[in-house]
């Protein structure tokens, strides 16, 4: 009986240590020198948006032919 509980404790402790190793990285050393104001917020956001060489325009046409 005692051996089974020691095995259970060992397995549970290994399981919990494994879960702790999968935790999120909490390092938040970001450069906070960007002075974002209400005047330049759109420009700052557009700096971080990736642009593609071809930007297709999608159109949505709604027909009411099958509506009852």
PDB file of N, CA and C in Angstrom:
ATOM      1  N   UNK A   1       0.807  -1.190   0.000  1.00  0.00           N
ATOM      2  CA  UNK A   1       0.000   0.000   0.000  1.00  0.00           C
ATOM      3  C   UNK A   1       0.855   1.261   0.000  1.00  0.00           C
ATOM      4  N   UNK A   2       1.899   1.256   0.810  1.00  0.00           N
ATOM      5  CA  UNK A   2       2.746   2.438   0.931  1.00  0.00           C
ATOM      6  C   UNK A   2       3.498   2.684  -0.377  1.00  0.00           C
ATOM      7  N   UNK A   3       3.890   1.608  -1.036  1.00  0.00           N
ATOM      8  CA  UNK A   3       4.637   1.744  -2.285  1.00  0.00           C
ATOM      9  C   UNK A   3       3.755   2.373  -3.356  1.00  0.00           C
ATOM     10  N   UNK A   4       2.484   2.010  -3.394  1.00  0.00           N
ATOM     11  CA  UNK A   4       1.592   2.580  -4.384  1.00  0.00           C
ATOM     12  C   UNK A   4       1.395   4.078  -4.164  1.00  0.00           C
ATOM     13  N   UNK A   5       1.303   4.500  -2.937  1.00  0.00           N
ATOM     14  CA  UNK A   5       1.104   5.922  -2.692  1.00  0.00           C
ATOM     15  C   UNK A   5       2.367   6.711  -3.031  1.00  0.00           C
ATOM     16  N   UNK A   6       3.540   6.136  -2.792  1.00  0.00           N
ATOM     17  CA  UNK A   6       4.780   6.814  -3.152  1.00  0.00           C
ATOM     18  C   UNK A   6       4.872   6.938  -4.670  1.00  0.00           C
ATOM     19  N   UNK A   7       4.452   5.899  -5.392  1.00  0.00           N
ATOM     20  CA  UNK A   7       4.455   5.963  -6.852  1.00  0.00           C
ATOM     21  C   UNK A   7       3.468   7.025  -7.337  1.00  0.00           C
ATOM     22  N   UNK A   8       2.308   7.094  -6.716  1.00  0.00           N
ATOM     23  CA  UNK A   8       1.317   8.091  -7.114  1.00  0.00           C
ATOM     24  C   UNK A   8       1.819   9.502  -6.850  1.00  0.00           C
ATOM     25  N   UNK A   9       2.464   9.692  -5.713  1.00  0.00           N
ATOM     26  CA  UNK A   9       3.004  11.011  -5.383  1.00  0.00           C
ATOM     27  C   UNK A   9       4.105  11.385  -6.374  1.00  0.00           C
ATOM     28  N   UNK A  10       4.956  10.439  -6.700  1.00  0.00           N
ATOM     29  CA  UNK A  10       6.034  10.700  -7.663  1.00  0.00           C
ATOM     30  C   UNK A  10       5.490  11.031  -9.041  1.00  0.00           C
ATOM     31  N   UNK A  11       4.502  10.279  -9.504  1.00  0.00           N
ATOM     32  CA  UNK A  11       3.920  10.547 -10.810  1.00  0.00           C
ATOM     33  C   UNK A  11       3.197  11.886 -10.838  1.00  0.00           C
ATOM     34  N   UNK A  12       2.471  12.186  -9.771  1.00  0.00           N
ATOM     35  CA  UNK A  12       1.764  13.474  -9.716  1.00  0.00           C
ATOM     36  C   UNK A  12       2.745  14.637  -9.702  1.00  0.00           C
ATOM     37  N   UNK A  13       3.849  14.501  -8.963  1.00  0.00           N
ATOM     38  CA  UNK A  13       4.825  15.594  -8.913  1.00  0.00           C
ATOM     39  C   UNK A  13       5.509  15.764 -10.268  1.00  0.00           C
ATOM     40  N   UNK A  14       5.809  14.678 -10.971  1.00  0.00           N
ATOM     41  CA  UNK A  14       6.390  14.790 -12.311  1.00  0.00           C
ATOM     42  C   UNK A  14       5.404  15.430 -13.283  1.00  0.00           C
ATOM     43  N   UNK A  15       4.151  15.075 -13.162  1.00  0.00           N
ATOM     44  CA  UNK A  15       3.118  15.650 -14.023  1.00  0.00           C
ATOM     45  C   UNK A  15       2.991  17.154 -13.788  1.00  0.00           C
ATOM     46  N   UNK A  16       2.979  17.561 -12.531  1.00  0.00           N
ATOM     47  CA  UNK A  16       2.854  18.983 -12.221  1.00  0.00           C
ATOM     48  C   UNK A  16       4.086  19.767 -12.652  1.00  0.00           C
ATOM     49  N   UNK A  17       5.272  19.184 -12.529  1.00  0.00           N
ATOM     50  CA  UNK A  17       6.482  19.861 -13.007  1.00  0.00           C
ATOM     51  C   UNK A  17       6.462  19.989 -14.518  1.00  0.00           C
ATOM     52  N   UNK A  18       5.924  18.985 -15.196  1.00  0.00           N
ATOM     53  CA  UNK A  18       5.805  19.064 -16.647  1.00  0.00           C
ATOM     54  C   UNK A  18       4.838  20.147 -17.083  1.00  0.00           C
ATOM     55  N   UNK A  19       3.743  20.301 -16.362  1.00  0.00           N
ATOM     56  CA  UNK A  19       2.795  21.367 -16.690  1.00  0.00           C
ATOM     57  C   UNK A  19       3.397  22.746 -16.461  1.00  0.00           C
ATOM     58  N   UNK A  20       4.204  22.873 -15.454  1.00  0.00           N
ATOM     59  CA  UNK A  20       4.832  24.157 -15.165  1.00  0.00           C
ATOM     60  C   UNK A  20       5.824  24.522 -16.266  1.00  0.00           C
ATOM     61  N   UNK A  21       6.456  23.546 -16.864  1.00  0.00           N
ATOM     62  CA  UNK A  21       7.396  23.804 -17.951  1.00  0.00           C
ATOM     63  C   UNK A  21       6.713  24.295 -19.212  1.00  0.00           C
ATOM     64  N   UNK A  22       5.421  24.036 -19.356  1.00  0.00           N
ATOM     65  CA  UNK A  22       4.678  24.477 -20.539  1.00  0.00           C
ATOM     66  C   UNK A  22       4.011  25.825 -20.327  1.00  0.00           C
ATOM     67  N   UNK A  23       4.322  26.516 -19.272  1.00  0.00           N
ATOM     68  CA  UNK A  23       3.691  27.802 -18.980  1.00  0.00           C
ATOM     69  C   UNK A  23       4.098  28.867 -19.974  1.00  0.00           C
ATOM     70  N   UNK A  24       3.384  29.966 -19.970  1.00  0.00           N
ATOM     71  CA  UNK A  24       3.665  31.059 -20.884  1.00  0.00           C
ATOM     72  C   UNK A  24       4.878  31.846 -20.418  1.00  0.00           C
ATOM     73  N   UNK A  25       5.562  32.415 -21.376  1.00  0.00           N
ATOM     74  CA  UNK A  25       6.705  33.264 -21.073  1.00  0.00           C
ATOM     75  C   UNK A  25       6.178  34.609 -20.592  1.00  0.00           C
ATOM     76  N   UNK A  26       6.575  35.030 -19.409  1.00  0.00           N
ATOM     77  CA  UNK A  26       6.057  36.273 -18.841  1.00  0.00           C
ATOM     78  C   UNK A  26       7.041  37.420 -18.967  1.00  0.00           C
ATOM     79  N   UNK A  27       8.079  37.269 -19.778  1.00  0.00           N
ATOM     80  CA  UNK A  27       9.018  38.374 -19.974  1.00  0.00           C
ATOM     81  C   UNK A  27       8.366  39.416 -20.859  1.00  0.00           C
ATOM     82  N   UNK A  28       8.164  40.585 -20.326  1.00  0.00           N
ATOM     83  CA  UNK A  28       7.530  41.656 -21.083  1.00  0.00           C
ATOM     84  C   UNK A  28       8.480  42.835 -21.181  1.00  0.00           C
ATOM     85  N   UNK A  29       9.646  42.585 -21.713  1.00  0.00           N
ATOM     86  CA  UNK A  29      10.647  43.639 -21.874  1.00  0.00           C
ATOM     87  C   UNK A  29      10.449  44.295 -23.235  1.00  0.00           C
ATOM     88  N   UNK A  30       9.376  45.041 -23.369  1.00  0.00           N
ATOM     89  CA  UNK A  30       9.087  45.715 -24.628  1.00  0.00           C
ATOM     90  C   UNK A  30       9.624  47.136 -24.566  1.00  0.00           C
ATOM     91  N   UNK A  31       9.989  47.614 -25.724  1.00  0.00           N
ATOM     92  CA  UNK A  31      10.489  48.983 -25.819  1.00  0.00           C
ATOM     93  C   UNK A  31       9.304  49.934 -25.738  1.00  0.00           C
ATOM     94  N   UNK A  32       9.246  50.714 -24.691  1.00  0.00           N
ATOM     95  CA  UNK A  32       8.114  51.603 -24.455  1.00  0.00           C
ATOM     96  C   UNK A  32       8.451  53.043 -24.833  1.00  0.00           C
ATOM     97  N   UNK A  33       9.331  53.231 -25.811  1.00  0.00           N
ATOM     98  CA  UNK A  33       9.714  54.586 -26.197  1.00  0.00           C
ATOM     99  C   UNK A  33       8.780  55.166 -27.241  1.00  0.00           C
ATOM    100  N   UNK A  34       7.809  54.402 -27.738  1.00  0.00           N
ATOM    101  CA  UNK A  34       6.854  54.923 -28.718  1.00  0.00           C
ATOM    102  C   UNK A  34       5.884  55.855 -28.019  1.00  0.00           C
ATOM    103  N   UNK A  35       5.844  57.062 -28.474  1.00  0.00           N
ATOM    104  CA  UNK A  35       4.907  58.032 -27.914  1.00  0.00           C
ATOM    105  C   UNK A  35       3.660  58.030 -28.778  1.00  0.00           C
ATOM    106  N   UNK A  36       2.675  57.240 -28.382  1.00  0.00           N
ATOM    107  CA  UNK A  36       1.443  57.139 -29.141  1.00  0.00           C
ATOM    108  C   UNK A  36       0.435  58.107 -28.538  1.00  0.00           C
ATOM    109  N   UNK A  37      -0.063  58.973 -29.390  1.00  0.00           N
ATOM    110  CA  UNK A  37      -1.084  59.925 -28.973  1.00  0.00           C
ATOM    111  C   UNK A  37      -2.320  59.731 -29.833  1.00  0.00           C
ATOM    112  N   UNK A  38      -3.348  60.473 -29.547  1.00  0.00           N
ATOM    113  CA  UNK A  38      -4.572  60.356 -30.344  1.00  0.00           C
ATOM    114  C   UNK A  38      -4.368  60.896 -31.750  1.00  0.00           C
ATOM    115  N   UNK A  39      -3.345  61.696 -31.962  1.00  0.00           N
ATOM    116  CA  UNK A  39      -3.093  62.256 -33.290  1.00  0.00           C
ATOM    117  C   UNK A  39      -2.355  61.282 -34.208  1.00  0.00           C
ATOM    118  N   UNK A  40      -1.460  60.459 -33.649  1.00  0.00           N
ATOM    119  CA  UNK A  40      -0.642  59.602 -34.498  1.00  0.00           C
ATOM    120  C   UNK A  40      -0.940  58.117 -34.330  1.00  0.00           C
ATOM    121  N   UNK A  41      -2.053  57.755 -33.740  1.00  0.00           N
ATOM    122  CA  UNK A  41      -2.313  56.334 -33.493  1.00  0.00           C
ATOM    123  C   UNK A  41      -2.550  55.577 -34.793  1.00  0.00           C
ATOM    124  N   UNK A  42      -3.208  56.184 -35.772  1.00  0.00           N
ATOM    125  CA  UNK A  42      -3.446  55.504 -37.054  1.00  0.00           C
ATOM    126  C   UNK A  42      -2.137  55.261 -37.790  1.00  0.00           C
ATOM    127  N   UNK A  43      -1.229  56.209 -37.749  1.00  0.00           N
ATOM    128  CA  UNK A  43       0.070  56.041 -38.414  1.00  0.00           C
ATOM    129  C   UNK A  43       0.887  54.945 -37.745  1.00  0.00           C
ATOM    130  N   UNK A  44       0.850  54.875 -36.426  1.00  0.00           N
ATOM    131  CA  UNK A  44       1.606  53.834 -35.707  1.00  0.00           C
ATOM    132  C   UNK A  44       1.047  52.441 -35.993  1.00  0.00           C
ATOM    133  N   UNK A  45      -0.269  52.321 -36.097  1.00  0.00           N
ATOM    134  CA  UNK A  45      -0.872  51.029 -36.403  1.00  0.00           C
ATOM    135  C   UNK A  45      -0.524  50.620 -37.827  1.00  0.00           C
ATOM    136  N   UNK A  46      -0.562  51.538 -38.765  1.00  0.00           N
ATOM    137  CA  UNK A  46      -0.253  51.226 -40.162  1.00  0.00           C
ATOM    138  C   UNK A  46       1.210  50.838 -40.350  1.00  0.00           C
ATOM    139  N   UNK A  47       2.101  51.286 -39.468  1.00  0.00           N
ATOM    140  CA  UNK A  47       3.507  50.872 -39.543  1.00  0.00           C
ATOM    141  C   UNK A  47       3.654  49.381 -39.266  1.00  0.00           C
ATOM    142  N   UNK A  48       2.780  48.822 -38.440  1.00  0.00           N
ATOM    143  CA  UNK A  48       2.892  47.420 -38.047  1.00  0.00           C
ATOM    144  C   UNK A  48       2.074  46.479 -38.916  1.00  0.00           C
ATOM    145  N   UNK A  49       1.277  47.002 -39.840  1.00  0.00           N
ATOM    146  CA  UNK A  49       0.439  46.169 -40.691  1.00  0.00           C
ATOM    147  C   UNK A  49       1.242  45.717 -41.896  1.00  0.00           C
ATOM    148  N   UNK A  50       1.224  44.410 -42.146  1.00  0.00           N
ATOM    149  CA  UNK A  50       1.938  43.861 -43.294  1.00  0.00           C
ATOM    150  C   UNK A  50       1.108  44.083 -44.543  1.00  0.00           C
ATOM    151  N   UNK A  51       1.717  44.628 -45.568  1.00  0.00           N
ATOM    152  CA  UNK A  51       1.038  44.898 -46.821  1.00  0.00           C
ATOM    153  C   UNK A  51       1.480  43.865 -47.850  1.00  0.00           C
ATOM    154  N   UNK A  52       0.558  43.434 -48.685  1.00  0.00           N
ATOM    155  CA  UNK A  52       0.838  42.482 -49.741  1.00  0.00           C
ATOM    156  C   UNK A  52       0.880  43.211 -51.076  1.00  0.00           C
ATOM    157  N   UNK A  53       1.634  42.678 -52.038  1.00  0.00           N
ATOM    158  CA  UNK A  53       1.723  43.372 -53.327  1.00  0.00           C
ATOM    159  C   UNK A  53       0.386  43.388 -54.072  1.00  0.00           C
ATOM    160  N   UNK A  54      -0.444  42.389 -53.869  1.00  0.00           N
ATOM    161  CA  UNK A  54      -1.743  42.348 -54.523  1.00  0.00           C
ATOM    162  C   UNK A  54      -2.815  42.313 -53.446  1.00  0.00           C
ATOM    163  N   UNK A  55      -3.707  43.260 -53.475  1.00  0.00           N
ATOM    164  CA  UNK A  55      -4.779  43.335 -52.489  1.00  0.00           C
ATOM    165  C   UNK A  55      -6.117  43.259 -53.220  1.00  0.00           C
ATOM    166  N   UNK A  56      -6.695  42.060 -53.330  1.00  0.00           N
ATOM    167  CA  UNK A  56      -7.961  41.933 -54.060  1.00  0.00           C
ATOM    168  C   UNK A  56      -9.123  42.527 -53.267  1.00  0.00           C
ATOM    169  N   UNK A  57     -10.134  42.940 -53.989  1.00  0.00           N
ATOM    170  CA  UNK A  57     -11.340  43.479 -53.365  1.00  0.00           C
ATOM    171  C   UNK A  57     -12.441  42.430 -53.517  1.00  0.00           C
ATOM    172  N   UNK A  58     -13.026  42.045 -52.427  1.00  0.00           N
ATOM    173  CA  UNK A  58     -14.091  41.049 -52.449  1.00  0.00           C
ATOM    174  C   UNK A  58     -15.431  41.760 -52.321  1.00  0.00           C
ATOM    175  N   UNK A  59     -16.391  41.315 -53.138  1.00  0.00           N
ATOM    176  CA  UNK A  59     -17.717  41.918 -53.111  1.00  0.00           C
ATOM    177  C   UNK A  59     -18.730  40.858 -52.710  1.00  0.00           C
ATOM    178  N   UNK A  60     -19.738  41.266 -51.997  1.00  0.00           N
ATOM    179  CA  UNK A  60     -20.781  40.380 -51.532  1.00  0.00           C
ATOM    180  C   UNK A  60     -22.094  40.833 -52.151  1.00  0.00           C
ATOM    181  N   UNK A  61     -22.709  39.938 -52.929  1.00  0.00           N
ATOM    182  CA  UNK A  61     -23.980  40.258 -53.561  1.00  0.00           C
ATOM    183  C   UNK A  61     -25.050  39.390 -52.915  1.00  0.00           C
ATOM    184  N   UNK A  62     -26.074  40.021 -52.406  1.00  0.00           N
ATOM    185  CA  UNK A  62     -27.130  39.295 -51.715  1.00  0.00           C
ATOM    186  C   UNK A  62     -28.375  39.311 -52.578  1.00  0.00           C
ATOM    187  N   UNK A  63     -28.863  38.141 -52.917  1.00  0.00           N
ATOM    188  CA  UNK A  63     -30.102  37.984 -53.676  1.00  0.00           C
ATOM    189  C   UNK A  63     -31.181  37.478 -52.762  1.00  0.00           C
ATOM    190  N   UNK A  64     -32.390  37.942 -52.982  1.00  0.00           N
ATOM    191  CA  UNK A  64     -33.506  37.500 -52.183  1.00  0.00           C
ATOM    192  C   UNK A  64     -34.440  36.590 -52.995  1.00  0.00           C
ATOM    193  N   UNK A  65     -33.882  35.896 -53.960  1.00  0.00           N
ATOM    194  CA  UNK A  65     -34.698  35.042 -54.821  1.00  0.00           C
ATOM    195  C   UNK A  65     -35.305  33.868 -54.063  1.00  0.00           C
ATOM    196  N   UNK A  66     -34.551  33.314 -53.134  1.00  0.00           N
ATOM    197  CA  UNK A  66     -34.995  32.103 -52.436  1.00  0.00           C
ATOM    198  C   UNK A  66     -35.572  32.394 -51.048  1.00  0.00           C
ATOM    199  N   UNK A  67     -35.779  33.642 -50.727  1.00  0.00           N
ATOM    200  CA  UNK A  67     -36.359  33.983 -49.430  1.00  0.00           C
ATOM    201  C   UNK A  67     -37.876  33.850 -49.509  1.00  0.00           C
ATOM    202  N   UNK A  68     -38.501  33.388 -48.445  1.00  0.00           N
ATOM    203  CA  UNK A  68     -39.961  33.243 -48.457  1.00  0.00           C
ATOM    204  C   UNK A  68     -40.593  34.211 -47.492  1.00  0.00           C
TER     205      UNK A  68
END
